[in-house]
C-alpha atoms as a PDB file:
ATOM      1  CA  UNK A   1     -56.181  61.298  60.955  1.00  0.00           C
ATOM      2  CA  UNK A   2     -54.206  58.711  58.985  1.00  0.00           C
ATOM      3  CA  UNK A   3     -53.010  61.271  56.454  1.00  0.00           C
ATOM      4  CA  UNK A   4     -51.178  63.176  59.231  1.00  0.00           C
ATOM      5  CA  UNK A   5     -51.539  66.515  57.522  1.00  0.00           C
ATOM      6  CA  UNK A   6     -50.084  65.316  54.234  1.00  0.00           C
ATOM      7  CA  UNK A   7     -53.231  65.808  52.189  1.00  0.00           C
ATOM      8  CA  UNK A   8     -51.717  68.909  50.609  1.00  0.00           C
ATOM      9  CA  UNK A   9     -49.255  66.628  48.822  1.00  0.00           C
ATOM     10  CA  UNK A  10     -52.065  64.606  47.192  1.00  0.00           C
ATOM     11  CA  UNK A  11     -54.718  66.329  45.152  1.00  0.00           C
ATOM     12  CA  UNK A  12     -57.412  63.860  46.143  1.00  0.00           C
ATOM     13  CA  UNK A  13     -56.172  62.089  49.223  1.00  0.00           C
ATOM     14  CA  UNK A  14     -59.340  60.103  49.944  1.00  0.00           C
ATOM     15  CA  UNK A  15     -58.853  58.161  46.683  1.00  0.00           C
ATOM     16  CA  UNK A  16     -55.595  56.743  48.049  1.00  0.00           C
ATOM     17  CA  UNK A  17     -56.515  53.487  49.769  1.00  0.00           C
ATOM     18  CA  UNK A  18     -53.073  52.892  51.299  1.00  0.00           C
ATOM     19  CA  UNK A  19     -51.872  55.466  53.838  1.00  0.00           C
ATOM     20  CA  UNK A  20     -48.465  55.896  55.446  1.00  0.00           C
ATOM     21  CA  UNK A  21     -49.916  56.811  58.819  1.00  0.00           C
ATOM     22  CA  UNK A  22     -47.232  56.709  61.506  1.00  0.00           C
ATOM     23  CA  UNK A  23     -44.634  55.704  58.895  1.00  0.00           C
ATOM     24  CA  UNK A  24     -44.566  59.291  57.670  1.00  0.00           C
ATOM     25  CA  UNK A  25     -43.303  60.357  61.106  1.00  0.00           C
ATOM     26  CA  UNK A  26     -40.380  58.044  61.721  1.00  0.00           C
ATOM     27  CA  UNK A  27     -39.273  56.774  58.298  1.00  0.00           C
ATOM     28  CA  UNK A  28     -37.782  60.112  57.121  1.00  0.00           C
ATOM     29  CA  UNK A  29     -36.034  60.541  60.483  1.00  0.00           C
ATOM     30  CA  UNK A  30     -34.694  56.975  60.400  1.00  0.00           C
ATOM     31  CA  UNK A  31     -33.420  57.318  56.832  1.00  0.00           C
ATOM     32  CA  UNK A  32     -31.788  60.640  57.743  1.00  0.00           C
ATOM     33  CA  UNK A  33     -29.946  58.999  60.666  1.00  0.00           C
ATOM     34  CA  UNK A  34     -28.823  56.094  58.468  1.00  0.00           C
ATOM     35  CA  UNK A  35     -27.661  58.619  55.856  1.00  0.00           C
ATOM     36  CA  UNK A  36     -25.509  60.512  58.387  1.00  0.00           C
ATOM     37  CA  UNK A  37     -23.863  57.399  59.832  1.00  0.00           C
ATOM     38  CA  UNK A  38     -23.554  55.840  56.386  1.00  0.00           C
ATOM     39  CA  UNK A  39     -21.804  58.893  54.948  1.00  0.00           C
ATOM     40  CA  UNK A  40     -19.323  58.933  57.822  1.00  0.00           C
ATOM     41  CA  UNK A  41     -18.495  55.207  57.808  1.00  0.00           C
ATOM     42  CA  UNK A  42     -18.392  54.866  54.034  1.00  0.00           C
ATOM     43  CA  UNK A  43     -16.214  57.939  53.610  1.00  0.00           C
ATOM     44  CA  UNK A  44     -13.578  56.149  55.690  1.00  0.00           C
ATOM     45  CA  UNK A  45     -14.158  52.955  53.698  1.00  0.00           C
ATOM     46  CA  UNK A  46     -13.708  54.795  50.388  1.00  0.00           C
ATOM     47  CA  UNK A  47     -10.485  56.317  51.734  1.00  0.00           C
ATOM     48  CA  UNK A  48      -9.113  52.905  52.706  1.00  0.00           C
ATOM     49  CA  UNK A  49     -10.157  50.849  49.697  1.00  0.00           C
ATOM     50  CA  UNK A  50      -9.689  53.405  46.919  1.00  0.00           C
ATOM     51  CA  UNK A  51      -6.686  55.464  48.056  1.00  0.00           C
ATOM     52  CA  UNK A  52      -4.407  52.868  49.618  1.00  0.00           C
ATOM     53  CA  UNK A  53      -1.772  51.207  47.465  1.00  0.00           C
ATOM     54  CA  UNK A  54      -1.299  47.494  47.991  1.00  0.00           C
ATOM     55  CA  UNK A  55      -1.344  44.139  46.326  1.00  0.00           C
ATOM     56  CA  UNK A  56      -4.995  43.223  45.866  1.00  0.00           C
ATOM     57  CA  UNK A  57      -6.686  40.059  47.036  1.00  0.00           C
ATOM     58  CA  UNK A  58     -10.049  38.774  45.849  1.00  0.00           C
ATOM     59  CA  UNK A  59     -11.793  39.797  49.058  1.00  0.00           C
ATOM     60  CA  UNK A  60     -10.283  43.281  48.868  1.00  0.00           C
ATOM     61  CA  UNK A  61     -11.786  43.640  45.371  1.00  0.00           C
ATOM     62  CA  UNK A  62     -15.220  42.575  46.639  1.00  0.00           C
ATOM     63  CA  UNK A  63     -14.946  44.945  49.606  1.00  0.00           C
ATOM     64  CA  UNK A  64     -14.070  47.821  47.282  1.00  0.00           C
ATOM     65  CA  UNK A  65     -17.175  47.252  45.171  1.00  0.00           C
ATOM     66  CA  UNK A  66     -19.309  46.707  48.280  1.00  0.00           C
ATOM     67  CA  UNK A  67     -18.100  50.068  49.590  1.00  0.00           C
ATOM     68  CA  UNK A  68     -19.030  51.689  46.282  1.00  0.00           C
ATOM     69  CA  UNK A  69     -22.530  50.148  46.376  1.00  0.00           C
ATOM     70  CA  UNK A  70     -23.106  51.234  49.996  1.00  0.00           C
ATOM     71  CA  UNK A  71     -21.871  54.770  49.304  1.00  0.00           C
ATOM     72  CA  UNK A  72     -24.143  55.180  46.280  1.00  0.00           C
ATOM     73  CA  UNK A  73     -27.111  53.811  48.223  1.00  0.00           C
ATOM     74  CA  UNK A  74     -26.496  56.304  51.034  1.00  0.00           C
ATOM     75  CA  UNK A  75     -26.474  59.132  48.481  1.00  0.00           C
ATOM     76  CA  UNK A  76     -30.022  58.104  47.459  1.00  0.00           C
ATOM     77  CA  UNK A  77     -31.354  58.615  50.973  1.00  0.00           C
ATOM     78  CA  UNK A  78     -31.583  62.453  51.081  1.00  0.00           C
ATOM     79  CA  UNK A  79     -33.969  62.406  48.097  1.00  0.00           C
ATOM     80  CA  UNK A  80     -35.857  59.506  49.666  1.00  0.00           C
ATOM     81  CA  UNK A  81     -36.300  61.614  52.809  1.00  0.00           C
ATOM     82  CA  UNK A  82     -37.270  64.777  50.899  1.00  0.00           C
ATOM     83  CA  UNK A  83     -39.851  63.125  48.630  1.00  0.00           C
ATOM     84  CA  UNK A  84     -41.273  60.672  51.168  1.00  0.00           C
ATOM     85  CA  UNK A  85     -45.068  60.502  50.671  1.00  0.00           C
ATOM     86  CA  UNK A  86     -44.979  63.498  48.318  1.00  0.00           C
ATOM     87  CA  UNK A  87     -45.720  63.979  44.676  1.00  0.00           C
ATOM     88  CA  UNK A  88     -42.454  64.556  42.888  1.00  0.00           C
ATOM     89  CA  UNK A  89     -41.119  64.518  39.363  1.00  0.00           C
ATOM     90  CA  UNK A  90     -42.181  61.023  38.299  1.00  0.00           C
ATOM     91  CA  UNK A  91     -38.989  60.189  36.410  1.00  0.00           C
ATOM     92  CA  UNK A  92     -36.784  61.419  39.282  1.00  0.00           C
ATOM     93  CA  UNK A  93     -38.710  59.329  41.839  1.00  0.00           C
ATOM     94  CA  UNK A  94     -38.458  56.301  39.565  1.00  0.00           C
ATOM     95  CA  UNK A  95     -34.748  56.872  38.948  1.00  0.00           C
ATOM     96  CA  UNK A  96     -33.889  57.254  42.641  1.00  0.00           C
ATOM     97  CA  UNK A  97     -35.989  54.204  43.546  1.00  0.00           C
ATOM     98  CA  UNK A  98     -34.368  52.018  40.884  1.00  0.00           C
ATOM     99  CA  UNK A  99     -30.897  53.297  41.777  1.00  0.00           C
ATOM    100  CA  UNK A 100     -31.585  52.440  45.435  1.00  0.00           C
ATOM    101  CA  UNK A 101     -32.458  48.841  44.513  1.00  0.00           C
ATOM    102  CA  UNK A 102     -29.487  48.488  42.155  1.00  0.00           C
ATOM    103  CA  UNK A 103     -27.103  49.276  45.001  1.00  0.00           C
ATOM    104  CA  UNK A 104     -29.017  47.183  47.528  1.00  0.00           C
ATOM    105  CA  UNK A 105     -28.775  44.092  45.330  1.00  0.00           C
ATOM    106  CA  UNK A 106     -25.178  44.940  44.477  1.00  0.00           C
ATOM    107  CA  UNK A 107     -24.465  44.846  48.229  1.00  0.00           C
ATOM    108  CA  UNK A 108     -26.212  41.463  48.477  1.00  0.00           C
ATOM    109  CA  UNK A 109     -24.124  40.138  45.565  1.00  0.00           C
ATOM    110  CA  UNK A 110     -20.774  41.355  46.906  1.00  0.00           C
ATOM    111  CA  UNK A 111     -21.518  40.070  50.423  1.00  0.00           C
ATOM    112  CA  UNK A 112     -22.258  36.712  48.790  1.00  0.00           C
ATOM    113  CA  UNK A 113     -18.926  36.767  46.950  1.00  0.00           C
ATOM    114  CA  UNK A 114     -17.086  37.632  50.177  1.00  0.00           C
ATOM    115  CA  UNK A 115     -18.805  34.671  51.826  1.00  0.00           C
ATOM    116  CA  UNK A 116     -17.858  32.408  48.912  1.00  0.00           C
ATOM    117  CA  UNK A 117     -14.252  33.566  49.184  1.00  0.00           C
ATOM    118  CA  UNK A 118     -14.198  32.842  52.933  1.00  0.00           C
ATOM    119  CA  UNK A 119     -15.830  29.460  52.337  1.00  0.00           C
ATOM    120  CA  UNK A 120     -13.191  28.404  49.790  1.00  0.00           C
ATOM    121  CA  UNK A 121     -10.319  29.595  51.985  1.00  0.00           C
ATOM    122  CA  UNK A 122     -11.586  27.576  54.937  1.00  0.00           C
ATOM    123  CA  UNK A 123     -12.963  24.450  53.219  1.00  0.00           C
ATOM    124  CA  UNK A 124     -10.417  24.275  50.351  1.00  0.00           C
ATOM    125  CA  UNK A 125      -7.389  26.149  51.756  1.00  0.00           C
ATOM    126  CA  UNK A 126      -4.799  24.556  49.442  1.00  0.00           C
ATOM    127  CA  UNK A 127      -6.816  25.124  46.269  1.00  0.00           C
ATOM    128  CA  UNK A 128      -7.064  28.392  44.348  1.00  0.00           C
ATOM    129  CA  UNK A 129     -10.231  28.781  42.294  1.00  0.00           C
ATOM    130  CA  UNK A 130     -10.690  31.278  39.492  1.00  0.00           C
ATOM    131  CA  UNK A 131     -13.091  33.377  41.525  1.00  0.00           C
ATOM    132  CA  UNK A 132     -10.280  33.831  44.096  1.00  0.00           C
ATOM    133  CA  UNK A 133      -7.945  35.362  41.532  1.00  0.00           C
ATOM    134  CA  UNK A 134      -7.909  39.152  41.364  1.00  0.00           C
ATOM    135  CA  UNK A 135      -8.636  39.364  37.624  1.00  0.00           C
ATOM    136  CA  UNK A 136     -11.616  37.034  37.872  1.00  0.00           C
ATOM    137  CA  UNK A 137     -12.858  38.845  40.984  1.00  0.00           C
ATOM    138  CA  UNK A 138     -12.884  42.118  39.072  1.00  0.00           C
ATOM    139  CA  UNK A 139     -14.651  40.528  36.089  1.00  0.00           C
ATOM    140  CA  UNK A 140     -17.295  39.031  38.427  1.00  0.00           C
ATOM    141  CA  UNK A 141     -17.938  42.476  39.945  1.00  0.00           C
ATOM    142  CA  UNK A 142     -18.294  44.143  36.541  1.00  0.00           C
ATOM    143  CA  UNK A 143     -20.705  41.418  35.406  1.00  0.00           C
ATOM    144  CA  UNK A 144     -22.844  41.989  38.513  1.00  0.00           C
ATOM    145  CA  UNK A 145     -23.035  45.749  37.900  1.00  0.00           C
ATOM    146  CA  UNK A 146     -23.863  45.248  34.214  1.00  0.00           C
ATOM    147  CA  UNK A 147     -26.560  42.647  34.978  1.00  0.00           C
ATOM    148  CA  UNK A 148     -28.208  44.839  37.630  1.00  0.00           C
ATOM    149  CA  UNK A 149     -28.327  47.915  35.408  1.00  0.00           C
ATOM    150  CA  UNK A 150     -29.676  45.842  32.501  1.00  0.00           C
ATOM    151  CA  UNK A 151     -32.468  44.174  34.495  1.00  0.00           C
ATOM    152  CA  UNK A 152     -33.583  47.370  36.240  1.00  0.00           C
ATOM    153  CA  UNK A 153     -34.101  49.176  32.918  1.00  0.00           C
ATOM    154  CA  UNK A 154     -37.185  46.970  32.539  1.00  0.00           C
ATOM    155  CA  UNK A 155     -38.837  48.900  35.386  1.00  0.00           C
ATOM    156  CA  UNK A 156     -38.905  52.022  33.216  1.00  0.00           C
ATOM    157  CA  UNK A 157     -41.038  50.290  30.576  1.00  0.00           C
ATOM    158  CA  UNK A 158     -44.359  50.791  32.355  1.00  0.00           C
ATOM    159  CA  UNK A 159     -44.727  54.510  33.132  1.00  0.00           C
ATOM    160  CA  UNK A 160     -48.515  54.535  33.572  1.00  0.00           C
ATOM    161  CA  UNK A 161     -49.904  56.158  36.704  1.00  0.00           C
ATOM    162  CA  UNK A 162     -53.675  55.964  36.563  1.00  0.00           C
ATOM    163  CA  UNK A 163     -54.542  57.410  39.980  1.00  0.00           C
ATOM    164  CA  UNK A 164     -53.095  60.108  42.253  1.00  0.00           C
ATOM    165  CA  UNK A 165     -51.432  57.570  44.545  1.00  0.00           C
ATOM    166  CA  UNK A 166     -49.284  56.250  41.684  1.00  0.00           C
ATOM    167  CA  UNK A 167     -47.651  59.684  41.550  1.00  0.00           C
ATOM    168  CA  UNK A 168     -46.511  59.582  45.189  1.00  0.00           C
ATOM    169  CA  UNK A 169     -42.810  58.828  45.540  1.00  0.00           C
ATOM    170  CA  UNK A 170     -41.710  55.627  47.312  1.00  0.00           C
ATOM    171  CA  UNK A 171     -45.237  54.520  48.126  1.00  0.00           C
ATOM    172  CA  UNK A 172     -47.489  51.525  47.474  1.00  0.00           C
ATOM    173  CA  UNK A 173     -47.877  51.365  43.677  1.00  0.00           C
ATOM    174  CA  UNK A 174     -49.817  48.845  41.653  1.00  0.00           C
ATOM    175  CA  UNK A 175     -47.701  46.613  39.405  1.00  0.00           C
ATOM    176  CA  UNK A 176     -48.413  44.974  36.091  1.00  0.00           C
ATOM    177  CA  UNK A 177     -47.563  41.409  35.174  1.00  0.00           C
ATOM    178  CA  UNK A 178     -44.017  42.059  33.874  1.00  0.00           C
ATOM    179  CA  UNK A 179     -42.593  44.141  36.773  1.00  0.00           C
ATOM    180  CA  UNK A 180     -44.447  41.974  39.294  1.00  0.00           C
ATOM    181  CA  UNK A 181     -43.007  38.799  37.787  1.00  0.00           C
ATOM    182  CA  UNK A 182     -39.492  40.267  37.805  1.00  0.00           C
ATOM    183  CA  UNK A 183     -39.853  41.161  41.482  1.00  0.00           C
ATOM    184  CA  UNK A 184     -41.021  37.656  42.352  1.00  0.00           C
ATOM    185  CA  UNK A 185     -38.198  36.108  40.316  1.00  0.00           C
ATOM    186  CA  UNK A 186     -35.671  38.203  42.274  1.00  0.00           C
ATOM    187  CA  UNK A 187     -37.136  36.903  45.549  1.00  0.00           C
ATOM    188  CA  UNK A 188     -36.828  33.315  44.281  1.00  0.00           C
ATOM    189  CA  UNK A 189     -33.175  33.943  43.385  1.00  0.00           C
ATOM    190  CA  UNK A 190     -32.594  35.391  46.845  1.00  0.00           C
ATOM    191  CA  UNK A 191     -34.187  32.290  48.383  1.00  0.00           C
ATOM    192  CA  UNK A 192     -31.820  30.064  46.427  1.00  0.00           C
ATOM    193  CA  UNK A 193     -28.902  32.189  47.588  1.00  0.00           C
ATOM    194  CA  UNK A 194     -30.016  31.796  51.210  1.00  0.00           C
ATOM    195  CA  UNK A 195     -30.060  28.005  50.820  1.00  0.00           C
ATOM    196  CA  UNK A 196     -26.499  28.132  49.485  1.00  0.00           C
ATOM    197  CA  UNK A 197     -25.547  30.310  52.479  1.00  0.00           C
ATOM    198  CA  UNK A 198     -27.024  27.821  54.930  1.00  0.00           C
ATOM    199  CA  UNK A 199     -25.265  24.809  53.364  1.00  0.00           C
ATOM    200  CA  UNK A 200     -21.958  26.676  53.088  1.00  0.00           C
ATOM    201  CA  UNK A 201     -21.906  27.922  56.656  1.00  0.00           C
ATOM    202  CA  UNK A 202     -22.981  24.561  58.062  1.00  0.00           C
ATOM    203  CA  UNK A 203     -19.896  23.104  56.323  1.00  0.00           C
ATOM    204  CA  UNK A 204     -17.751  25.945  57.657  1.00  0.00           C
ATOM    205  CA  UNK A 205     -19.041  25.362  61.201  1.00  0.00           C
ATOM    206  CA  UNK A 206     -18.224  21.647  60.964  1.00  0.00           C
ATOM    207  CA  UNK A 207     -14.766  22.453  59.610  1.00  0.00           C
ATOM    208  CA  UNK A 208     -13.982  24.996  62.331  1.00  0.00           C
ATOM    209  CA  UNK A 209     -14.885  22.455  65.017  1.00  0.00           C
ATOM    210  CA  UNK A 210     -11.850  20.432  63.950  1.00  0.00           C
ATOM    211  CA  UNK A 211      -9.451  23.378  63.550  1.00  0.00           C
ATOM    212  CA  UNK A 212      -6.646  23.610  66.113  1.00  0.00           C
ATOM    213  CA  UNK A 213      -5.039  27.030  66.508  1.00  0.00           C
ATOM    214  CA  UNK A 214      -1.627  26.164  67.917  1.00  0.00           C
ATOM    215  CA  UNK A 215      -1.755  23.044  70.041  1.00  0.00           C
ATOM    216  CA  UNK A 216      -0.719  23.828  73.613  1.00  0.00           C
ATOM    217  CA  UNK A 217      -0.862  27.578  72.963  1.00  0.00           C
ATOM    218  CA  UNK A 218      -2.996  29.277  75.669  1.00  0.00           C
ATOM    219  CA  UNK A 219      -3.984  31.978  73.156  1.00  0.00           C
ATOM    220  CA  UNK A 220      -5.026  29.436  70.525  1.00  0.00           C
ATOM    221  CA  UNK A 221      -8.608  29.213  71.785  1.00  0.00           C
ATOM    222  CA  UNK A 222      -8.986  33.004  71.690  1.00  0.00           C
ATOM    223  CA  UNK A 223      -7.696  33.111  68.126  1.00  0.00           C
ATOM    224  CA  UNK A 224     -10.170  30.393  67.161  1.00  0.00           C
ATOM    225  CA  UNK A 225     -13.047  32.378  68.687  1.00  0.00           C
ATOM    226  CA  UNK A 226     -11.877  35.464  66.802  1.00  0.00           C
ATOM    227  CA  UNK A 227     -11.784  33.476  63.560  1.00  0.00           C
ATOM    228  CA  UNK A 228     -15.320  32.184  64.176  1.00  0.00           C
ATOM    229  CA  UNK A 229     -16.525  35.741  64.863  1.00  0.00           C
ATOM    230  CA  UNK A 230     -15.012  37.030  61.620  1.00  0.00           C
ATOM    231  CA  UNK A 231     -16.369  34.123  59.614  1.00  0.00           C
ATOM    232  CA  UNK A 232     -19.970  34.309  60.811  1.00  0.00           C
ATOM    233  CA  UNK A 233     -20.209  38.106  60.933  1.00  0.00           C
ATOM    234  CA  UNK A 234     -21.122  38.275  57.229  1.00  0.00           C
ATOM    235  CA  UNK A 235     -24.106  35.865  57.370  1.00  0.00           C
ATOM    236  CA  UNK A 236     -25.401  37.496  60.569  1.00  0.00           C
ATOM    237  CA  UNK A 237     -25.459  40.972  58.992  1.00  0.00           C
ATOM    238  CA  UNK A 238     -26.743  39.549  55.708  1.00  0.00           C
ATOM    239  CA  UNK A 239     -29.633  37.766  57.450  1.00  0.00           C
ATOM    240  CA  UNK A 240     -30.525  40.695  59.716  1.00  0.00           C
ATOM    241  CA  UNK A 241     -30.673  43.235  56.890  1.00  0.00           C
ATOM    242  CA  UNK A 242     -32.042  41.341  53.903  1.00  0.00           C
ATOM    243  CA  UNK A 243     -34.007  38.261  54.978  1.00  0.00           C
ATOM    244  CA  UNK A 244     -36.979  40.094  56.621  1.00  0.00           C
ATOM    245  CA  UNK A 245     -37.447  42.265  53.522  1.00  0.00           C
ATOM    246  CA  UNK A 246     -37.561  39.294  51.157  1.00  0.00           C
ATOM    247  CA  UNK A 247     -39.920  37.339  53.421  1.00  0.00           C
ATOM    248  CA  UNK A 248     -42.413  40.206  53.191  1.00  0.00           C
ATOM    249  CA  UNK A 249     -41.728  40.838  49.517  1.00  0.00           C
ATOM    250  CA  UNK A 250     -43.777  37.959  48.036  1.00  0.00           C
ATOM    251  CA  UNK A 251     -47.153  38.845  49.623  1.00  0.00           C
ATOM    252  CA  UNK A 252     -46.392  42.553  49.126  1.00  0.00           C
ATOM    253  CA  UNK A 253     -45.829  42.149  45.367  1.00  0.00           C
ATOM    254  CA  UNK A 254     -48.945  39.967  45.136  1.00  0.00           C
ATOM    255  CA  UNK A 255     -50.863  42.812  46.796  1.00  0.00           C
ATOM    256  CA  UNK A 256     -49.400  45.262  44.256  1.00  0.00           C
ATOM    257  CA  UNK A 257     -50.567  42.926  41.462  1.00  0.00           C
ATOM    258  CA  UNK A 258     -54.055  42.826  43.050  1.00  0.00           C
ATOM    259  CA  UNK A 259     -53.837  39.100  43.737  1.00  0.00           C
ATOM    260  CA  UNK A 260     -54.323  40.095  47.386  1.00  0.00           C
ATOM    261  CA  UNK A 261     -57.301  42.477  47.226  1.00  0.00           C
ATOM    262  CA  UNK A 262     -58.243  43.246  50.851  1.00  0.00           C
ATOM    263  CA  UNK A 263     -57.328  46.841  51.740  1.00  0.00           C
ATOM    264  CA  UNK A 264     -56.514  45.916  55.349  1.00  0.00           C
ATOM    265  CA  UNK A 265     -53.989  43.308  54.193  1.00  0.00           C
ATOM    266  CA  UNK A 266     -52.471  45.721  51.692  1.00  0.00           C
ATOM    267  CA  UNK A 267     -52.112  48.339  54.418  1.00  0.00           C
ATOM    268  CA  UNK A 268     -50.416  45.856  56.745  1.00  0.00           C
ATOM    269  CA  UNK A 269     -48.051  44.619  54.007  1.00  0.00           C
ATOM    270  CA  UNK A 270     -47.167  48.202  53.087  1.00  0.00           C
ATOM    271  CA  UNK A 271     -46.164  48.888  56.704  1.00  0.00           C
ATOM    272  CA  UNK A 272     -44.108  45.693  56.923  1.00  0.00           C
ATOM    273  CA  UNK A 273     -42.451  46.371  53.563  1.00  0.00           C
ATOM    274  CA  UNK A 274     -41.349  49.886  54.571  1.00  0.00           C
ATOM    275  CA  UNK A 275     -39.980  48.711  57.931  1.00  0.00           C
ATOM    276  CA  UNK A 276     -38.001  45.824  56.437  1.00  0.00           C
ATOM    277  CA  UNK A 277     -36.722  48.072  53.632  1.00  0.00           C
ATOM    278  CA  UNK A 278     -35.385  50.345  56.360  1.00  0.00           C
ATOM    279  CA  UNK A 279     -33.434  47.347  57.708  1.00  0.00           C
ATOM    280  CA  UNK A 280     -32.002  46.772  54.231  1.00  0.00           C
ATOM    281  CA  UNK A 281     -30.776  50.376  54.080  1.00  0.00           C
ATOM    282  CA  UNK A 282     -29.194  49.893  57.522  1.00  0.00           C
ATOM    283  CA  UNK A 283     -26.801  47.420  55.884  1.00  0.00           C
ATOM    284  CA  UNK A 284     -24.834  50.372  54.457  1.00  0.00           C
ATOM    285  CA  UNK A 285     -23.890  51.304  58.042  1.00  0.00           C
ATOM    286  CA  UNK A 286     -23.131  47.750  59.178  1.00  0.00           C
ATOM    287  CA  UNK A 287     -20.829  46.631  56.351  1.00  0.00           C
ATOM    288  CA  UNK A 288     -17.893  48.670  57.764  1.00  0.00           C
ATOM    289  CA  UNK A 289     -18.060  46.350  60.797  1.00  0.00           C
ATOM    290  CA  UNK A 290     -17.199  43.512  58.405  1.00  0.00           C
ATOM    291  CA  UNK A 291     -14.251  45.489  57.029  1.00  0.00           C
ATOM    292  CA  UNK A 292     -13.043  46.178  60.571  1.00  0.00           C
ATOM    293  CA  UNK A 293     -12.805  42.479  61.421  1.00  0.00           C
ATOM    294  CA  UNK A 294     -11.655  41.154  58.040  1.00  0.00           C
ATOM    295  CA  UNK A 295      -9.080  43.814  57.122  1.00  0.00           C
ATOM    296  CA  UNK A 296      -6.182  44.683  59.409  1.00  0.00           C
ATOM    297  CA  UNK A 297      -5.475  47.839  57.374  1.00  0.00           C
ATOM    298  CA  UNK A 298      -9.055  49.047  57.789  1.00  0.00           C
ATOM    299  CA  UNK A 299      -8.879  48.284  61.511  1.00  0.00           C
ATOM    300  CA  UNK A 300      -5.617  50.232  61.941  1.00  0.00           C
ATOM    301  CA  UNK A 301      -7.033  53.147  59.945  1.00  0.00           C
ATOM    302  CA  UNK A 302     -10.104  53.357  62.199  1.00  0.00           C
ATOM    303  CA  UNK A 303      -7.967  53.244  65.339  1.00  0.00           C
ATOM    304  CA  UNK A 304      -5.697  56.002  63.977  1.00  0.00           C
ATOM    305  CA  UNK A 305      -8.742  58.139  63.152  1.00  0.00           C
ATOM    306  CA  UNK A 306     -10.201  57.651  66.650  1.00  0.00           C
ATOM    307  CA  UNK A 307      -6.850  58.634  68.211  1.00  0.00           C
ATOM    308  CA  UNK A 308      -6.525  61.669  65.942  1.00  0.00           C
ATOM    309  CA  UNK A 309      -3.393  60.317  64.223  1.00  0.00           C
ATOM    310  CA  UNK A 310      -4.430  61.463  60.753  1.00  0.00           C
ATOM    311  CA  UNK A 311      -0.910  61.702  59.324  1.00  0.00           C
ATOM    312  CA  UNK A 312      -0.203  58.128  60.457  1.00  0.00           C
ATOM    313  CA  UNK A 313      -3.535  57.067  58.968  1.00  0.00           C
ATOM    314  CA  UNK A 314      -2.652  58.665  55.622  1.00  0.00           C
ATOM    315  CA  UNK A 315       0.867  57.193  55.567  1.00  0.00           C
ATOM    316  CA  UNK A 316      -0.485  53.759  56.464  1.00  0.00           C
ATOM    317  CA  UNK A 317      -2.774  53.744  53.451  1.00  0.00           C
ATOM    318  CA  UNK A 318      -0.273  55.227  51.013  1.00  0.00           C
ATOM    319  CA  UNK A 319       2.408  52.666  51.822  1.00  0.00           C
ATOM    320  CA  UNK A 320       2.644  49.717  49.430  1.00  0.00           C
ATOM    321  CA  UNK A 321       1.962  46.605  51.470  1.00  0.00           C
ATOM    322  CA  UNK A 322       1.160  42.987  50.855  1.00  0.00           C
ATOM    323  CA  UNK A 323      -2.152  41.705  52.177  1.00  0.00           C
ATOM    324  CA  UNK A 324      -2.088  38.529  54.236  1.00  0.00           C
ATOM    325  CA  UNK A 325      -4.328  36.113  52.322  1.00  0.00           C
ATOM    326  CA  UNK A 326      -4.760  33.449  54.992  1.00  0.00           C
ATOM    327  CA  UNK A 327      -8.134  32.587  56.498  1.00  0.00           C
ATOM    328  CA  UNK A 328      -7.414  34.929  59.397  1.00  0.00           C
ATOM    329  CA  UNK A 329      -7.059  37.996  57.144  1.00  0.00           C
ATOM    330  CA  UNK A 330      -8.767  39.212  53.980  1.00  0.00           C
END
């Protein structure tokens, strides 16, 4: 009953100790929905950040690369849906899986840089650090891409698949010492990044408590609330999408390395891992919300598209403009 009619995809299904069960019903549908919404939202984002002509800011650079990462991740999803719990060409499954993780961690990195940029603009508004300069922002993005592609090549080293379940795409696979250690090291790095996030946003919260938006101005309080919303939107989305996955990741990798041996625990961790990974993919649909609140040009483009003013939308993004670099804009 647990195989849900998928035994035809596995030559000897009863040798596979970990089953997808109900996951095989809703995961492909969920990924398909995320793919549709992600394609729509990121197509608009690509139009805004790659076609418009304007003077760049550091945050605009990070948003452009975040859009690229989200778009590439969304393009992985059709193959993830098609090959879910099926035997596929091993190299293709491996390539799509690695490419998915490259873009997921690229999104994490660029969201972190956006947060750093916001932190510096609020905590150190009169200072300009190197990472806030456009040239250095671009260099930082290129370094991130290069580092991710370099590290993920290590996952192609071990191509052994000793049992039928190792040939199933995007499923529970046993890991050796090297890939398992790399996975655990990535989780540790993510944990350190979360600590930095917490400290940074505690400082931002304390700073915003003392900010006055136009003394005596009746609209000042509303502007302050809007600023708080824009500032804390990034960590909320970041936490929702990526923290659950990394909390599950440590015991899951230990199960893949056979440190955790009980089949029931492995089955439970597999289910949790797939559900939290789905949340991580959802980030590609939620990042445009960040663009909407942080970029006035993106916001105006969306409103023009909703109203059917496509010529105005095109002209708006072709016009050379200067981006407001204050803490209330990108």
